N, C-alpha and C. Protein backbone atom coordinates (compact mmCIF):
# COMPACT_ATOMS: atom_id res chain seq x y z
N MET A 1 39.11 34.74 -6.77
CA MET A 1 37.59 34.65 -6.67
C MET A 1 37.34 35.28 -5.30
N ALA A 2 36.73 36.26 -4.89
CA ALA A 2 36.16 36.62 -3.75
C ALA A 2 34.64 36.17 -3.34
N ASP A 3 34.74 35.86 -1.81
CA ASP A 3 33.23 35.19 -1.16
C ASP A 3 32.80 36.14 -1.02
N ASN A 4 31.73 36.40 -1.33
CA ASN A 4 31.02 37.32 -1.48
C ASN A 4 29.42 37.24 -0.31
N GLY A 5 29.91 35.88 0.60
CA GLY A 5 28.96 35.37 1.29
C GLY A 5 27.67 34.81 0.98
N GLN A 6 28.00 34.36 -0.45
CA GLN A 6 26.76 33.74 -1.87
C GLN A 6 27.00 32.03 -1.14
N TYR A 7 28.14 31.66 -0.84
CA TYR A 7 27.99 30.54 -0.91
C TYR A 7 28.61 29.69 0.51
N ASN A 8 28.10 29.28 1.19
CA ASN A 8 28.30 28.25 2.53
C ASN A 8 28.82 27.09 2.79
N ASN A 9 29.89 26.92 3.41
CA ASN A 9 30.57 25.71 3.19
C ASN A 9 30.06 24.85 4.36
N ASN A 10 28.92 25.16 5.20
CA ASN A 10 28.58 23.94 6.37
C ASN A 10 27.62 23.49 5.43
N ALA A 11 28.31 22.03 5.88
CA ALA A 11 27.53 20.72 5.12
C ALA A 11 26.11 20.68 5.23
N HIS A 12 25.66 20.91 6.98
CA HIS A 12 24.61 20.99 7.26
C HIS A 12 23.40 22.09 6.98
N HIS A 13 24.19 23.24 6.28
CA HIS A 13 23.44 24.59 6.36
C HIS A 13 23.86 24.95 4.95
N PRO A 14 23.52 23.96 4.08
CA PRO A 14 24.23 24.64 2.44
C PRO A 14 23.95 25.68 2.03
N TYR A 15 23.00 26.09 2.07
CA TYR A 15 22.44 27.67 1.52
C TYR A 15 22.04 28.95 2.44
N PRO A 16 22.01 29.76 2.13
CA PRO A 16 22.21 31.10 3.42
C PRO A 16 20.60 30.66 3.56
N GLY A 17 20.07 31.09 4.55
CA GLY A 17 18.60 31.43 5.30
C GLY A 17 18.04 30.11 4.84
N ASN A 18 18.91 28.96 5.26
CA ASN A 18 18.12 28.06 5.31
C ASN A 18 18.57 27.11 6.43
N SER A 19 17.88 27.27 7.50
CA SER A 19 18.54 26.91 8.89
C SER A 19 17.95 25.77 9.34
N PHE A 20 16.71 25.04 8.91
CA PHE A 20 15.98 23.91 9.09
C PHE A 20 16.77 22.61 9.10
N ASP A 21 16.87 21.81 10.05
CA ASP A 21 17.79 20.74 9.97
C ASP A 21 17.05 19.32 10.15
N HIS A 22 16.61 18.88 9.23
CA HIS A 22 15.76 17.55 8.98
C HIS A 22 15.75 16.12 10.29
N SER A 23 17.68 16.13 10.54
CA SER A 23 17.96 15.64 11.79
C SER A 23 17.19 15.72 12.65
N ASP A 24 17.15 16.99 12.93
CA ASP A 24 16.51 17.54 14.38
C ASP A 24 14.94 16.43 14.34
N VAL A 25 14.14 16.85 13.63
CA VAL A 25 13.19 15.99 13.51
C VAL A 25 13.19 14.72 13.74
N ASP A 26 14.14 13.80 12.98
CA ASP A 26 14.24 12.43 13.26
C ASP A 26 14.73 12.44 14.88
N ARG A 27 15.43 13.03 15.57
CA ARG A 27 15.90 12.71 16.74
C ARG A 27 14.92 12.77 17.46
N ARG A 28 14.13 13.92 17.31
CA ARG A 28 12.78 14.18 18.32
C ARG A 28 11.75 13.06 17.84
N ARG A 29 12.01 12.44 16.96
CA ARG A 29 10.40 11.34 16.71
C ARG A 29 11.20 10.23 17.39
N ALA A 30 12.50 10.20 17.40
CA ALA A 30 13.40 8.93 17.97
C ALA A 30 13.53 9.15 19.49
N ARG A 31 13.24 9.91 20.37
CA ARG A 31 12.97 10.37 21.25
C ARG A 31 12.19 10.18 22.22
N ASN A 32 10.46 10.59 20.84
CA ASN A 32 9.40 10.38 21.46
C ASN A 32 8.97 8.94 21.35
N GLY A 33 9.73 7.65 21.00
CA GLY A 33 9.31 6.59 20.44
C GLY A 33 8.63 6.24 19.29
N ARG A 34 8.64 7.54 18.28
CA ARG A 34 7.88 7.27 16.93
C ARG A 34 8.90 7.05 15.93
N GLY A 35 8.34 7.19 14.81
CA GLY A 35 9.48 7.18 13.43
C GLY A 35 9.61 6.10 13.00
N MET A 36 10.98 5.25 13.25
CA MET A 36 11.18 3.97 12.53
C MET A 36 9.84 2.68 12.81
N GLY A 37 9.49 2.91 14.53
CA GLY A 37 8.28 1.67 14.33
C GLY A 37 7.36 2.14 13.35
N ALA A 38 6.91 3.26 13.54
CA ALA A 38 5.42 4.11 12.89
C ALA A 38 5.65 3.52 11.56
N ASN A 39 6.67 3.52 10.90
CA ASN A 39 6.87 3.77 9.45
C ASN A 39 6.95 2.49 9.04
N ARG A 40 7.86 1.54 9.64
CA ARG A 40 7.75 0.22 9.69
C ARG A 40 6.42 -0.48 10.07
N THR A 41 5.53 -0.22 10.77
CA THR A 41 3.94 -0.57 10.96
C THR A 41 3.51 -0.36 9.85
N ALA A 42 3.40 1.05 9.39
CA ALA A 42 2.90 1.70 7.99
C ALA A 42 3.13 0.62 7.09
N LEU A 43 4.53 0.66 6.67
CA LEU A 43 5.18 -0.31 5.50
C LEU A 43 4.17 -1.73 5.75
N VAL A 44 4.12 -2.38 6.54
CA VAL A 44 3.27 -3.52 6.64
C VAL A 44 2.11 -3.44 6.37
N ILE A 45 1.27 -2.50 6.91
CA ILE A 45 0.01 -2.38 6.49
C ILE A 45 -0.24 -2.21 4.88
N HIS A 46 0.84 -1.19 4.72
CA HIS A 46 0.78 -0.85 3.05
C HIS A 46 1.18 -2.07 2.20
N SER A 47 1.98 -3.09 2.74
CA SER A 47 2.19 -3.90 2.16
C SER A 47 1.06 -5.18 2.00
N LEU A 48 0.59 -5.22 2.88
CA LEU A 48 -0.76 -6.33 3.07
C LEU A 48 -1.81 -6.22 2.46
N ALA A 49 -1.92 -4.84 2.22
CA ALA A 49 -3.11 -4.32 1.43
C ALA A 49 -3.16 -4.68 -0.15
N ASP A 50 -1.64 -4.15 -0.45
CA ASP A 50 -1.38 -4.52 -1.68
C ASP A 50 -1.25 -5.63 -1.94
N ILE A 51 -0.78 -6.59 -1.47
CA ILE A 51 -1.10 -8.43 -1.61
C ILE A 51 -2.30 -8.81 -1.56
N ALA A 52 -3.29 -8.51 -0.72
CA ALA A 52 -4.62 -8.61 -1.07
C ALA A 52 -5.19 -8.52 -2.19
N ALA A 53 -4.81 -6.98 -2.10
CA ALA A 53 -5.73 -6.89 -3.62
C ALA A 53 -4.59 -6.95 -5.13
N ILE A 54 -3.69 -7.71 -5.11
CA ILE A 54 -2.89 -8.67 -5.87
C ILE A 54 -3.26 -9.97 -6.24
N PHE A 55 -3.52 -10.34 -5.41
CA PHE A 55 -4.54 -11.90 -5.65
C PHE A 55 -5.61 -11.84 -5.83
N LEU A 56 -6.67 -10.45 -5.19
CA LEU A 56 -7.95 -10.57 -5.94
C LEU A 56 -7.48 -10.63 -7.67
N GLY A 57 -6.85 -9.11 -7.78
CA GLY A 57 -6.90 -9.10 -9.40
C GLY A 57 -6.26 -9.82 -10.08
N LEU A 58 -5.90 -10.88 -9.47
CA LEU A 58 -4.85 -12.30 -10.09
C LEU A 58 -6.13 -13.08 -10.61
N TRP A 59 -7.00 -13.18 -9.67
CA TRP A 59 -7.88 -14.58 -9.85
C TRP A 59 -8.89 -13.89 -10.71
N ILE A 60 -9.41 -12.36 -10.90
CA ILE A 60 -9.89 -11.73 -11.73
C ILE A 60 -9.42 -11.94 -13.19
N LEU A 61 -8.36 -11.96 -13.26
CA LEU A 61 -7.20 -12.21 -14.38
C LEU A 61 -7.71 -13.69 -15.24
N LEU A 62 -7.26 -14.52 -14.34
CA LEU A 62 -7.23 -16.00 -14.60
C LEU A 62 -8.78 -16.52 -14.73
N TYR A 63 -9.65 -15.98 -14.21
CA TYR A 63 -10.96 -16.22 -14.66
C TYR A 63 -11.28 -15.62 -15.89
N MET A 64 -11.15 -14.47 -16.27
CA MET A 64 -11.23 -13.74 -17.78
C MET A 64 -10.74 -14.85 -18.88
N LEU A 65 -9.39 -14.80 -18.62
CA LEU A 65 -8.84 -15.71 -19.32
C LEU A 65 -8.86 -17.59 -19.58
N ASP A 66 -9.93 -17.74 -18.76
CA ASP A 66 -10.51 -18.61 -18.20
C ASP A 66 -9.06 -19.69 -17.89
N ALA A 67 -8.45 -19.99 -17.09
CA ALA A 67 -7.22 -20.67 -16.79
C ALA A 67 -7.84 -21.93 -16.17
N ASN A 68 -6.94 -22.87 -16.54
CA ASN A 68 -7.55 -24.28 -16.00
C ASN A 68 -7.68 -24.25 -14.23
N GLN A 69 -9.07 -24.27 -13.68
CA GLN A 69 -9.15 -24.56 -12.59
C GLN A 69 -8.82 -25.64 -11.83
N ALA A 70 -8.02 -26.79 -12.86
CA ALA A 70 -7.51 -28.42 -12.13
C ALA A 70 -6.04 -27.56 -12.02
N ASN A 71 -5.64 -26.18 -12.26
CA ASN A 71 -4.33 -26.03 -12.18
C ASN A 71 -4.11 -26.10 -10.54
N VAL A 72 -2.79 -26.29 -9.94
CA VAL A 72 -2.53 -26.05 -8.34
C VAL A 72 -2.19 -24.54 -7.88
N PHE A 73 -1.91 -23.63 -8.97
CA PHE A 73 -1.21 -22.42 -9.31
C PHE A 73 -2.72 -21.58 -9.19
N VAL A 74 -3.55 -22.22 -9.96
CA VAL A 74 -4.80 -21.43 -10.44
C VAL A 74 -5.36 -21.95 -8.99
N ASP A 75 -6.01 -23.01 -8.37
CA ASP A 75 -6.77 -23.59 -7.11
C ASP A 75 -6.13 -22.53 -6.25
N PHE A 76 -5.08 -22.34 -6.04
CA PHE A 76 -4.53 -21.69 -5.01
C PHE A 76 -5.00 -20.07 -5.06
N VAL A 77 -4.83 -19.38 -6.12
CA VAL A 77 -5.14 -18.07 -5.66
C VAL A 77 -6.57 -17.98 -6.15
N HIS A 78 -6.96 -18.86 -6.38
CA HIS A 78 -8.82 -18.88 -5.98
C HIS A 78 -8.82 -18.92 -4.53
N GLY A 79 -8.16 -20.08 -3.86
CA GLY A 79 -8.54 -20.22 -2.51
C GLY A 79 -8.54 -19.36 -1.98
N VAL A 80 -7.25 -18.53 -2.14
CA VAL A 80 -7.04 -16.96 -0.99
C VAL A 80 -7.83 -16.17 -1.42
N ALA A 81 -8.38 -15.48 -2.82
CA ALA A 81 -9.07 -14.48 -3.12
C ALA A 81 -10.42 -14.97 -2.71
N ASP A 82 -11.27 -16.10 -2.64
CA ASP A 82 -12.29 -16.22 -2.02
C ASP A 82 -12.29 -16.36 -0.60
N TRP A 83 -11.11 -17.03 0.18
CA TRP A 83 -10.99 -16.12 1.53
C TRP A 83 -11.11 -14.52 1.47
N LEU A 84 -10.21 -13.74 1.01
CA LEU A 84 -10.10 -12.52 1.35
C LEU A 84 -11.48 -11.85 0.55
N ALA A 85 -12.54 -12.20 -0.18
CA ALA A 85 -13.73 -11.84 -0.43
C ALA A 85 -14.75 -12.56 -0.23
N GLY A 86 -14.33 -13.27 1.05
CA GLY A 86 -15.58 -14.15 1.67
C GLY A 86 -16.60 -13.13 1.85
N TRP A 87 -16.58 -12.39 2.17
CA TRP A 87 -17.52 -11.21 2.89
C TRP A 87 -18.26 -10.20 1.95
N SER A 88 -17.81 -10.45 0.83
CA SER A 88 -18.28 -9.62 -0.05
C SER A 88 -19.04 -10.61 -1.10
N GLN A 89 -19.20 -11.81 -1.04
CA GLN A 89 -19.76 -12.78 -2.23
C GLN A 89 -21.15 -12.84 -2.38
N ASP A 90 -21.74 -12.66 -3.38
CA ASP A 90 -22.83 -12.28 -3.95
C ASP A 90 -23.88 -10.84 -3.83
N ILE A 91 -22.56 -9.59 -3.47
CA ILE A 91 -23.10 -8.45 -3.41
C ILE A 91 -23.64 -8.15 -4.59
N PHE A 92 -23.16 -8.56 -5.63
CA PHE A 92 -23.78 -8.51 -7.49
C PHE A 92 -24.27 -9.82 -7.65
N THR A 93 -25.33 -9.65 -8.16
CA THR A 93 -25.94 -10.99 -8.60
C THR A 93 -26.02 -10.67 -10.23
N MET A 94 -25.32 -10.99 -10.79
CA MET A 94 -25.72 -10.21 -12.69
C MET A 94 -26.00 -11.84 -13.20
N ASP A 95 -26.54 -11.92 -14.27
CA ASP A 95 -26.42 -13.13 -14.89
C ASP A 95 -25.12 -13.22 -15.44
N THR A 96 -24.50 -12.51 -15.88
CA THR A 96 -23.19 -12.88 -16.70
C THR A 96 -22.05 -13.38 -15.59
N GLU A 97 -21.71 -13.81 -15.52
CA GLU A 97 -20.83 -14.51 -14.80
C GLU A 97 -19.56 -14.05 -15.08
N GLY A 98 -19.10 -13.58 -15.40
CA GLY A 98 -17.78 -12.62 -16.13
C GLY A 98 -18.13 -11.52 -15.24
N VAL A 99 -19.01 -11.00 -15.61
CA VAL A 99 -19.35 -9.26 -14.87
C VAL A 99 -19.33 -9.44 -13.35
N ARG A 100 -20.03 -10.60 -13.37
CA ARG A 100 -20.43 -10.75 -11.15
C ARG A 100 -18.82 -11.15 -10.91
N VAL A 101 -18.09 -12.15 -11.55
CA VAL A 101 -17.02 -12.40 -10.60
C VAL A 101 -16.23 -10.98 -10.78
N PHE A 102 -16.17 -10.52 -11.31
CA PHE A 102 -15.01 -9.08 -11.75
C PHE A 102 -15.80 -8.10 -10.60
N LEU A 103 -17.08 -7.86 -10.47
CA LEU A 103 -17.40 -6.91 -9.62
C LEU A 103 -17.35 -7.36 -7.93
N ASN A 104 -17.89 -8.86 -8.14
CA ASN A 104 -17.42 -9.34 -6.75
C ASN A 104 -16.09 -9.82 -6.07
N TYR A 105 -15.10 -9.37 -6.71
CA TYR A 105 -14.11 -9.59 -6.26
C TYR A 105 -13.09 -8.22 -6.79
N ALA A 106 -13.48 -7.32 -7.10
CA ALA A 106 -12.87 -5.99 -7.31
C ALA A 106 -13.18 -5.38 -6.29
N LEU A 107 -14.29 -5.50 -5.68
CA LEU A 107 -14.99 -4.31 -4.42
C LEU A 107 -14.17 -4.65 -3.67
N PRO A 108 -14.02 -5.92 -2.96
CA PRO A 108 -12.96 -6.00 -1.85
C PRO A 108 -11.57 -5.71 -2.04
N ALA A 109 -10.99 -5.44 -3.42
CA ALA A 109 -9.50 -5.43 -3.64
C ALA A 109 -9.59 -3.81 -3.63
N VAL A 110 -10.29 -2.91 -4.17
CA VAL A 110 -10.36 -1.48 -3.68
C VAL A 110 -10.59 -1.21 -2.69
N ILE A 111 -11.23 -1.86 -1.65
CA ILE A 111 -11.38 -1.45 -0.19
C ILE A 111 -10.73 -1.78 0.60
N TYR A 112 -9.76 -2.72 0.32
CA TYR A 112 -8.76 -3.41 1.01
C TYR A 112 -7.16 -2.24 0.61
N LEU A 113 -7.50 -1.85 -0.74
CA LEU A 113 -6.26 -0.67 -0.93
C LEU A 113 -6.74 0.67 -0.44
N ALA A 114 -7.60 0.91 -0.25
CA ALA A 114 -8.31 2.45 0.12
C ALA A 114 -7.86 2.48 2.09
N ILE A 115 -8.30 1.12 2.40
CA ILE A 115 -8.38 1.19 3.89
C ILE A 115 -6.78 0.96 4.06
N GLY A 116 -6.21 -0.14 3.76
CA GLY A 116 -4.85 -0.61 3.81
C GLY A 116 -3.62 0.95 3.74
N HIS A 117 -3.91 1.92 2.42
CA HIS A 117 -3.22 2.85 2.01
C HIS A 117 -3.33 4.02 3.04
N GLY A 118 -4.91 4.28 3.37
CA GLY A 118 -5.30 4.95 4.29
C GLY A 118 -4.83 5.14 5.84
N ALA A 119 -4.76 4.12 6.43
CA ALA A 119 -4.11 3.81 7.76
C ALA A 119 -3.01 3.42 7.63
N ALA A 120 -2.03 3.45 6.97
CA ALA A 120 -0.72 3.65 6.41
C ALA A 120 -0.33 4.98 6.25
N ALA A 121 -0.91 6.18 6.02
CA ALA A 121 -0.54 7.07 5.64
C ALA A 121 -0.82 8.14 6.70
N TRP A 122 -2.09 7.38 7.77
CA TRP A 122 -2.20 8.18 8.95
C TRP A 122 -1.35 7.85 10.01
N ILE A 123 -1.22 6.48 9.89
CA ILE A 123 -0.17 5.93 10.86
C ILE A 123 1.26 6.98 11.17
N ARG A 124 1.58 6.82 9.57
CA ARG A 124 2.87 7.77 9.38
C ARG A 124 2.79 8.83 9.81
N ARG A 125 1.57 9.93 9.81
CA ARG A 125 1.61 11.05 10.59
C ARG A 125 1.51 11.36 11.71
N LEU A 126 1.49 10.16 12.33
CA LEU A 126 1.17 9.92 14.23
C LEU A 126 2.63 10.66 14.26
């Protein structure tokens, strides 16, 4: 079988016309002091936002399922959720307790996710 130039055995540029080497970008980022540090920082911010939203969502779920509030785990989740949503308590003052709890804890969860994921994406682009 004759090689008509269609195949390239070069591991760095396996396809003809594809001369962009992604490792050059990684080397430039490393030289500029960016890259790994920015990605790790973004990952930490992203993860913290997710953890905050998980605690708030878990408290909403436990409340809606009428979990035993005397339980140590339920009390711990409630305490963390109260701390995370302290700034947003009583924004919504509905007569129905379940709707009030849902809105007062879901709002900060959504805000934490939006700000955390947005900040992480912005840091990764730096």
